[in-house]
Amino acid sequence: MQQDRIRVLQIIGDARLGGVSSCVMNYFKHADLSRFAFDFVTYSPSPFDGQVRATDGDAKIYHISPFQKNFLKGVSDLEKILKNNEYQIVHSHLGTLSAFTLPAAENAGVPVRICHAHSAFNKNSEHYMVKSFLRPMAADSATHLMACSKHAAQNTFLKRASEAVILPDAIDVNRFCSSEEQYIASREKLGLHGKAVLFVGRFAKQKNIPFLLDAFADAAGEDMTLVLVGGGEGESELRSRAEKLGIAEKVLFIPPADPAEWYKAADVFCLPSRYEGLGMVAVEAQAAGLKCILSENVPKEADVGGDCVFLPLKKELWAAELQKSCPHFYGGEQKVRDAGYDILREAHRLTDFYESALSGENQRK
């Protein structure tokens, strides 16, 4: 690789969580690495490290103390990285926790400092008080603002939301698009039959999976299966809940994996989140042609095809919707592309932004 590349430090945090790391990795894989050198800061070793090295063997990966556990140690670790390297851009993907990362970058003289909001939060959020306290300071040291959606920008940056550049969490649409033939083949491969209800994501409080189990229990007929693709500390509690509801045999717990095959084999996708910045899994599901049932806490921006159903978190409404027919919307991938979520079309957006930022465009005065 060339030695005079523009050096960018991507601060990701917990790379195991999937959403943020997947977004950054998609842009990284499609970036012009002859012009840009991406290094990464995460909290611990993870499979993400291997993906980075496979993409650019010269990329550096640093692990720092999580800010949630010891922010002083985390800041100290980051300051050492910045002191020992010369970055032209620091891109913090930590939302409100950027209140810790960007002042360190400013003190190190980094000219372009980006605060990126990948999510939103409300009173139902974990660590709501901490996020609310940090929000006014999150972008104080930022030269530029970025967000995954208008909703995330408004939620995180408040009065400064209009300054934020919206960067779509673009995906490789070709991996998710499906057809009736692929649906049949995927179901046979995965051993699914009857109506398959799908959830993809972390087993975290934000995703509200206990609610989905309750609604599914009320809706489930003899030939219905709930597929939960993901993982997390709450899995044992979810298994116990499924047992108590009498639906354990109808619920499949799938470890973290590439969900593309599961999208293609499912009949309906559910995202009952308590809060979301966008809900990219819903976009992936639409690329596969699935009907999507989403909570009212998911931004309407996630409905790229115009066929999503948004419901309040009332169990009887979700149960009734799950019992309805679930037609596939094959061809939805084109709507996903037209909405700006195809990484093959959008990859240049991030690096174009970096170059314009370094030239002084759209910089906060």
Protein backbone atom coordinates (compact mmCIF):
# COMPACT_ATOMS: atom_id res chain seq x y z
CA MET A 1 0.00 0.00 0.00
CA GLN A 2 1.09 3.57 -0.60
CA GLN A 3 2.62 5.36 2.38
CA ASP A 4 1.10 8.77 1.63
CA ARG A 5 -2.49 7.66 2.07
CA ILE A 6 -4.98 9.79 4.04
CA ARG A 7 -4.97 8.27 7.53
CA VAL A 8 -8.33 7.81 9.24
CA LEU A 9 -8.93 6.47 12.74
CA GLN A 10 -12.31 4.76 13.03
CA ILE A 11 -13.47 4.57 16.67
CA ILE A 12 -16.05 1.79 16.87
CA GLY A 13 -16.20 0.62 20.48
CA ASP A 14 -17.76 -2.82 20.85
CA ALA A 15 -17.24 -4.42 17.44
CA ARG A 16 -19.19 -7.51 18.52
CA LEU A 17 -22.52 -5.67 18.46
CA GLY A 18 -22.78 -5.88 14.69
CA GLY A 19 -24.67 -2.81 13.50
CA VAL A 20 -21.96 -0.15 13.62
CA SER A 21 -19.09 -2.49 12.82
CA SER A 22 -21.01 -3.93 9.83
CA CYS A 23 -21.69 -0.45 8.46
CA VAL A 24 -18.07 0.62 8.80
CA MET A 25 -16.81 -2.65 7.35
CA ASN A 26 -19.06 -2.33 4.29
CA TYR A 27 -17.60 1.09 3.49
CA PHE A 28 -14.06 -0.08 4.33
CA LYS A 29 -14.26 -3.05 1.97
CA HIS A 30 -15.34 -0.80 -0.89
CA ALA A 31 -13.11 2.20 -0.15
CA ASP A 32 -10.22 3.25 -2.39
CA LEU A 33 -7.42 1.91 -0.19
CA SER A 34 -4.81 3.35 -2.51
CA ARG A 35 -5.84 6.78 -1.17
CA PHE A 36 -7.05 5.97 2.35
CA ALA A 37 -5.60 4.08 5.29
CA PHE A 38 -8.18 3.07 7.90
CA ASP A 39 -7.16 2.11 11.43
CA PHE A 40 -9.63 0.97 14.08
CA VAL A 41 -10.26 1.35 17.79
CA THR A 42 -12.43 -1.27 19.50
CA TYR A 43 -12.90 -2.47 23.06
CA SER A 44 -11.63 -6.02 22.66
CA PRO A 45 -10.49 -8.63 20.13
CA SER A 46 -13.34 -9.99 18.00
CA PRO A 47 -13.99 -11.55 14.58
CA PHE A 48 -14.07 -7.99 13.27
CA ASP A 49 -10.26 -7.89 13.63
CA GLY A 50 -9.89 -10.71 11.12
CA GLN A 51 -12.17 -8.95 8.64
CA VAL A 52 -10.05 -5.81 8.91
CA ARG A 53 -6.79 -7.67 8.28
CA ALA A 54 -8.31 -9.55 5.35
CA THR A 55 -9.30 -6.24 3.76
CA ASP A 56 -6.05 -4.35 4.37
CA GLY A 57 -3.10 -6.14 5.91
CA ASP A 58 -1.53 -2.78 6.83
CA ALA A 59 -4.50 -1.62 8.90
CA LYS A 60 -3.88 -1.22 12.63
CA ILE A 61 -6.36 -2.39 15.27
CA TYR A 62 -6.19 -0.93 18.76
CA HIS A 63 -8.09 -2.11 21.83
CA ILE A 64 -8.91 0.34 24.60
CA SER A 65 -10.74 0.20 27.91
CA PRO A 66 -14.54 0.57 27.40
CA PHE A 67 -15.69 4.07 28.26
CA GLN A 68 -18.75 2.63 30.00
CA LYS A 69 -16.54 0.81 32.51
CA ASN A 70 -13.67 3.26 33.02
CA PHE A 71 -13.84 6.37 30.86
CA LEU A 72 -10.63 7.81 32.31
CA LYS A 73 -8.67 4.71 31.31
CA GLY A 74 -10.39 4.67 27.90
CA VAL A 75 -9.46 8.31 27.26
CA SER A 76 -5.89 7.66 28.38
CA ASP A 77 -5.60 4.67 26.04
CA LEU A 78 -6.93 6.74 23.14
CA GLU A 79 -4.61 9.66 23.87
CA LYS A 80 -1.61 7.31 23.60
CA ILE A 81 -2.79 6.07 20.20
CA LEU A 82 -3.25 9.63 18.93
CA LYS A 83 0.11 10.71 20.32
CA ASN A 84 1.97 7.87 18.61
CA ASN A 85 0.28 8.28 15.23
CA GLU A 86 -0.56 11.16 12.92
CA TYR A 87 -4.18 11.02 11.83
CA GLN A 88 -5.82 13.51 9.53
CA ILE A 89 -9.32 12.30 10.42
CA VAL A 90 -10.87 10.80 13.53
CA HIS A 91 -14.31 9.34 12.90
CA SER A 92 -16.10 8.54 16.16
CA HIS A 93 -19.01 6.14 15.75
CA LEU A 94 -19.94 6.20 19.44
CA GLY A 95 -22.78 8.71 19.43
CA THR A 96 -23.02 10.39 22.84
CA LEU A 97 -19.81 8.68 23.99
CA SER A 98 -18.02 10.86 21.44
CA ALA A 99 -17.95 13.35 24.31
CA PHE A 100 -14.90 11.35 25.44
CA THR A 101 -13.22 10.59 22.11
CA LEU A 102 -13.36 13.85 20.17
CA PRO A 103 -11.83 16.15 22.82
CA ALA A 104 -8.82 13.80 22.82
CA ALA A 105 -8.63 14.10 19.04
CA GLU A 106 -8.92 17.88 19.24
CA ASN A 107 -6.13 18.07 21.81
CA ALA A 108 -3.98 15.92 19.52
CA GLY A 109 -4.48 18.42 16.69
CA VAL A 110 -6.50 16.16 14.40
CA PRO A 111 -7.98 18.55 11.79
CA VAL A 112 -11.17 16.61 10.94
CA ARG A 113 -13.22 15.18 13.81
CA ILE A 114 -16.53 13.50 13.00
CA CYS A 115 -19.29 12.69 15.46
CA HIS A 116 -21.48 9.95 13.98
CA ALA A 117 -24.91 9.01 15.35
CA HIS A 118 -25.80 5.43 14.45
CA SER A 119 -28.72 5.15 16.82
CA ALA A 120 -31.28 7.06 18.84
CA PHE A 121 -32.49 6.76 22.40
CA ASN A 122 -35.50 7.55 24.56
CA LYS A 123 -36.70 6.98 28.12
CA ASN A 124 -36.94 3.25 27.42
CA SER A 125 -33.24 3.10 26.55
CA GLU A 126 -30.54 1.46 28.57
CA HIS A 127 -28.33 4.06 30.28
CA TYR A 128 -30.84 6.77 29.43
CA MET A 129 -29.63 9.16 32.14
CA VAL A 130 -25.99 8.86 31.07
CA LYS A 131 -26.83 9.37 27.39
CA SER A 132 -28.99 12.38 28.22
CA PHE A 133 -26.16 13.87 30.27
CA LEU A 134 -23.56 13.33 27.54
CA ARG A 135 -25.72 14.39 24.59
CA PRO A 136 -25.09 18.17 24.87
CA MET A 137 -21.32 17.52 24.91
CA ALA A 138 -21.13 14.74 22.32
CA ALA A 139 -20.30 16.98 19.37
CA ASP A 140 -18.64 19.91 21.15
CA SER A 141 -15.23 18.97 19.73
CA ALA A 142 -16.55 17.80 16.36
CA THR A 143 -15.78 19.62 13.15
CA HIS A 144 -18.45 17.64 11.29
CA LEU A 145 -21.63 15.73 12.14
CA MET A 146 -22.92 12.56 10.54
CA ALA A 147 -25.90 10.26 11.13
CA CYS A 148 -27.50 7.11 9.74
CA SER A 149 -30.91 8.81 9.45
CA LYS A 150 -32.64 12.13 9.98
CA HIS A 151 -34.25 10.65 13.08
CA ALA A 152 -30.87 9.74 14.58
CA ALA A 153 -29.51 13.20 13.76
CA GLN A 154 -32.46 14.96 15.41
CA ASN A 155 -32.28 12.69 18.43
CA THR A 156 -28.54 13.08 19.02
CA PHE A 157 -27.72 16.57 17.77
CA LEU A 158 -30.98 18.36 18.60
CA LYS A 159 -30.72 21.97 17.34
CA ARG A 160 -27.64 21.11 15.27
CA ALA A 161 -29.36 18.23 13.45
CA SER A 162 -29.51 20.15 10.17
CA GLU A 163 -25.68 20.23 10.11
CA ALA A 164 -25.45 16.44 9.97
CA VAL A 165 -24.64 14.64 6.74
CA ILE A 166 -26.85 11.56 6.36
CA LEU A 167 -24.71 8.56 5.44
CA PRO A 168 -26.83 5.49 4.71
CA ASP A 169 -25.83 2.25 6.39
CA ALA A 170 -25.42 0.77 2.94
CA ILE A 171 -25.38 -2.98 2.35
CA ASP A 172 -24.42 -5.36 -0.43
CA VAL A 173 -27.96 -5.65 -1.77
CA ASN A 174 -27.04 -8.56 -4.03
CA ARG A 175 -26.43 -10.74 -0.96
CA PHE A 176 -30.00 -10.28 0.28
CA CYS A 177 -32.19 -10.14 -2.83
CA SER A 178 -34.30 -13.23 -3.32
CA SER A 179 -36.86 -14.94 -5.53
CA GLU A 180 -39.48 -17.65 -5.20
CA GLU A 181 -36.95 -20.23 -6.33
CA GLN A 182 -34.41 -19.09 -3.74
CA TYR A 183 -37.13 -19.07 -1.07
CA ILE A 184 -37.91 -22.72 -1.73
CA ALA A 185 -34.23 -23.70 -1.85
CA SER A 186 -33.34 -21.82 1.35
CA ARG A 187 -36.25 -23.35 3.28
CA GLU A 188 -35.17 -26.81 2.22
CA LYS A 189 -31.56 -26.07 3.19
CA LEU A 190 -32.50 -24.70 6.61
CA GLY A 191 -35.25 -27.20 7.32
CA LEU A 192 -38.09 -24.68 7.65
CA HIS A 193 -41.74 -25.36 6.93
CA GLY A 194 -44.98 -23.48 7.48
CA LYS A 195 -44.95 -19.76 8.25
CA ALA A 196 -41.49 -18.58 9.39
CA VAL A 197 -41.38 -15.40 11.47
CA LEU A 198 -37.88 -13.89 11.58
CA PHE A 199 -35.98 -11.57 13.92
CA VAL A 200 -32.32 -10.63 13.34
CA GLY A 201 -30.25 -8.70 15.86
CA ARG A 202 -28.72 -8.62 19.31
CA PHE A 203 -30.66 -10.17 22.18
CA ALA A 204 -30.63 -6.84 23.99
CA LYS A 205 -33.29 -4.93 25.91
CA GLN A 206 -33.50 -2.40 23.07
CA LYS A 207 -34.79 -5.07 20.68
CA ASN A 208 -37.71 -6.06 22.94
CA ILE A 209 -37.64 -9.78 22.12
CA PRO A 210 -39.69 -10.84 25.19
CA PHE A 211 -42.58 -8.83 23.72
CA LEU A 212 -42.17 -10.65 20.40
CA LEU A 213 -42.27 -14.02 22.18
CA ASP A 214 -45.49 -13.03 23.94
CA ALA A 215 -47.14 -11.88 20.70
CA PHE A 216 -45.96 -14.96 18.83
CA ALA A 217 -47.33 -17.22 21.59
CA ASP A 218 -50.78 -15.68 21.09
CA ALA A 219 -50.55 -15.94 17.30
CA ALA A 220 -48.81 -19.27 16.79
CA GLY A 221 -50.68 -21.94 14.92
CA GLU A 222 -49.53 -25.51 14.53
CA ASP A 223 -47.34 -24.67 11.55
CA MET A 224 -45.56 -21.47 12.64
CA THR A 225 -41.95 -21.01 13.65
CA LEU A 226 -40.21 -18.03 15.23
CA VAL A 227 -36.56 -17.75 14.20
CA LEU A 228 -34.31 -15.56 16.35
CA VAL A 229 -30.95 -14.97 14.66
CA GLY A 230 -28.44 -13.29 16.95
CA GLY A 231 -27.20 -13.73 20.47
CA GLY A 232 -26.51 -11.96 23.70
CA GLU A 233 -26.53 -12.16 27.46
CA GLY A 234 -30.34 -12.37 27.56
CA GLU A 235 -30.60 -15.65 25.64
CA SER A 236 -31.12 -17.89 28.68
CA GLU A 237 -33.97 -15.68 29.90
CA LEU A 238 -35.56 -15.78 26.46
CA ARG A 239 -35.35 -19.57 26.35
CA SER A 240 -36.97 -19.76 29.78
CA ARG A 241 -39.73 -17.42 28.67
CA ALA A 242 -40.40 -19.54 25.58
CA GLU A 243 -40.68 -22.60 27.83
CA LYS A 244 -43.16 -20.89 30.15
CA LEU A 245 -45.24 -19.73 27.18
CA GLY A 246 -45.35 -23.29 25.84
CA ILE A 247 -43.73 -22.37 22.52
CA ALA A 248 -40.19 -23.68 23.05
CA GLU A 249 -40.55 -26.20 20.22
CA LYS A 250 -41.67 -23.43 17.87
CA VAL A 251 -38.75 -21.07 18.56
CA LEU A 252 -35.34 -21.49 16.92
CA PHE A 253 -32.35 -19.73 18.52
CA ILE A 254 -29.68 -19.25 15.88
CA PRO A 255 -26.20 -18.07 16.97
CA PRO A 256 -24.76 -14.90 15.38
CA ALA A 257 -24.36 -15.69 11.70
CA ASP A 258 -24.74 -14.26 8.22
CA PRO A 259 -28.52 -13.73 8.13
CA ALA A 260 -28.87 -13.61 4.33
CA GLU A 261 -30.04 -17.22 3.99
CA TRP A 262 -32.57 -16.78 6.80
CA TYR A 263 -34.07 -13.70 5.16
CA LYS A 264 -34.53 -15.67 1.96
CA ALA A 265 -36.26 -18.54 3.81
CA ALA A 266 -38.61 -16.46 5.99
CA ASP A 267 -42.15 -15.21 5.40
CA VAL A 268 -42.32 -12.16 7.63
CA PHE A 269 -39.78 -10.04 9.51
CA CYS A 270 -40.39 -8.47 12.93
CA LEU A 271 -38.57 -5.65 14.73
CA PRO A 272 -40.38 -4.70 17.97
CA SER A 273 -37.66 -2.31 19.17
CA ARG A 274 -38.04 0.11 22.05
CA TYR A 275 -35.92 2.59 20.05
CA GLU A 276 -33.86 2.63 16.84
CA GLY A 277 -31.68 5.00 14.86
CA LEU A 278 -32.92 3.42 11.64
CA GLY A 279 -33.23 -0.38 11.80
CA MET A 280 -31.02 -1.63 8.97
CA VAL A 281 -32.20 -5.21 9.45
CA ALA A 282 -35.59 -4.03 8.17
CA VAL A 283 -33.92 -2.71 5.02
CA GLU A 284 -32.12 -6.04 4.55
CA ALA A 285 -35.44 -7.87 4.99
CA GLN A 286 -37.09 -5.68 2.36
CA ALA A 287 -34.25 -6.43 -0.06
CA ALA A 288 -35.18 -10.10 0.39
CA GLY A 289 -38.83 -9.34 -0.35
CA LEU A 290 -40.22 -9.81 3.16
CA LYS A 291 -43.24 -8.21 4.74
CA CYS A 292 -41.98 -6.23 7.76
CA ILE A 293 -43.83 -5.64 11.02
CA LEU A 294 -42.06 -2.84 12.88
CA SER A 295 -42.71 -1.03 16.14
CA GLU A 296 -43.69 2.62 16.03
CA ASN A 297 -40.28 3.34 17.57
CA VAL A 298 -38.58 2.40 14.31
CA PRO A 299 -38.15 5.49 12.08
CA LYS A 300 -40.43 5.63 9.06
CA GLU A 301 -37.26 6.09 7.00
CA ALA A 302 -36.76 2.32 7.33
CA ASP A 303 -39.78 1.73 5.09
CA VAL A 304 -37.95 2.00 1.78
CA GLY A 305 -40.48 -0.08 -0.15
CA GLY A 306 -43.69 1.40 1.24
CA ASP A 307 -44.98 -1.98 2.42
CA CYS A 308 -43.93 -2.01 6.09
CA VAL A 309 -46.52 -2.20 8.87
CA PHE A 310 -45.84 0.00 11.92
CA LEU A 311 -47.61 -0.97 15.14
CA PRO A 312 -47.68 0.27 18.74
CA LEU A 313 -46.29 -2.19 21.25
CA LYS A 314 -49.60 -3.88 22.03
CA LYS A 315 -49.41 -7.65 22.07
CA GLU A 316 -52.87 -8.25 20.62
CA LEU A 317 -52.15 -6.05 17.58
CA TRP A 318 -48.92 -7.88 16.81
CA ALA A 319 -50.54 -11.29 17.28
CA ALA A 320 -53.33 -10.34 14.88
CA GLU A 321 -50.85 -9.07 12.27
CA LEU A 322 -48.77 -12.24 12.53
CA GLN A 323 -51.84 -14.28 11.74
CA LYS A 324 -52.46 -12.43 8.48
CA SER A 325 -51.16 -13.57 5.10
CA CYS A 326 -47.58 -12.63 4.36
CA PRO A 327 -47.07 -12.05 0.63
CA HIS A 328 -43.50 -11.67 -0.56
CA PHE A 329 -42.50 -8.48 -2.40
CA TYR A 330 -39.86 -9.89 -4.71
CA GLY A 331 -38.07 -7.18 -6.60
CA GLY A 332 -37.81 -5.01 -3.50
CA GLU A 333 -34.06 -4.81 -3.93
CA GLN A 334 -34.49 -2.12 -6.58
CA LYS A 335 -36.37 0.08 -4.12
CA VAL A 336 -33.56 -0.48 -1.63
CA ARG A 337 -31.02 0.62 -4.23
CA ASP A 338 -33.10 3.65 -5.21
CA ALA A 339 -33.29 4.66 -1.55
CA GLY A 340 -29.48 4.84 -1.40
CA TYR A 341 -28.69 1.66 0.53
CA ASP A 342 -26.60 -0.27 -2.02
CA ILE A 343 -22.94 -0.14 -0.99
CA LEU A 344 -21.87 -0.82 -4.58
CA ARG A 345 -23.41 2.53 -5.53
CA GLU A 346 -22.84 4.48 -2.32
CA ALA A 347 -19.32 3.47 -1.24
CA HIS A 348 -17.76 6.64 -2.61
CA ARG A 349 -19.90 8.85 -0.35
CA LEU A 350 -17.75 8.38 2.75
CA THR A 351 -14.36 8.96 1.15
CA ASP A 352 -15.73 11.86 -0.92
CA PHE A 353 -16.91 13.37 2.35
CA TYR A 354 -13.48 12.89 3.92
CA GLU A 355 -11.78 14.71 1.06
CA SER A 356 -14.23 17.61 1.14
CA ALA A 357 -13.86 17.84 4.93
CA LEU A 358 -10.07 18.04 4.65
CA SER A 359 -10.46 20.84 2.12
CA GLY A 360 -12.45 22.80 4.70
CA GLU A 361 -15.94 22.29 3.28
CA ASN A 362 -18.90 22.18 5.70
CA GLN A 363 -16.58 22.64 8.64
CA ARG A 364 -18.00 23.99 11.87
CA LYS A 365 -16.81 27.51 12.48
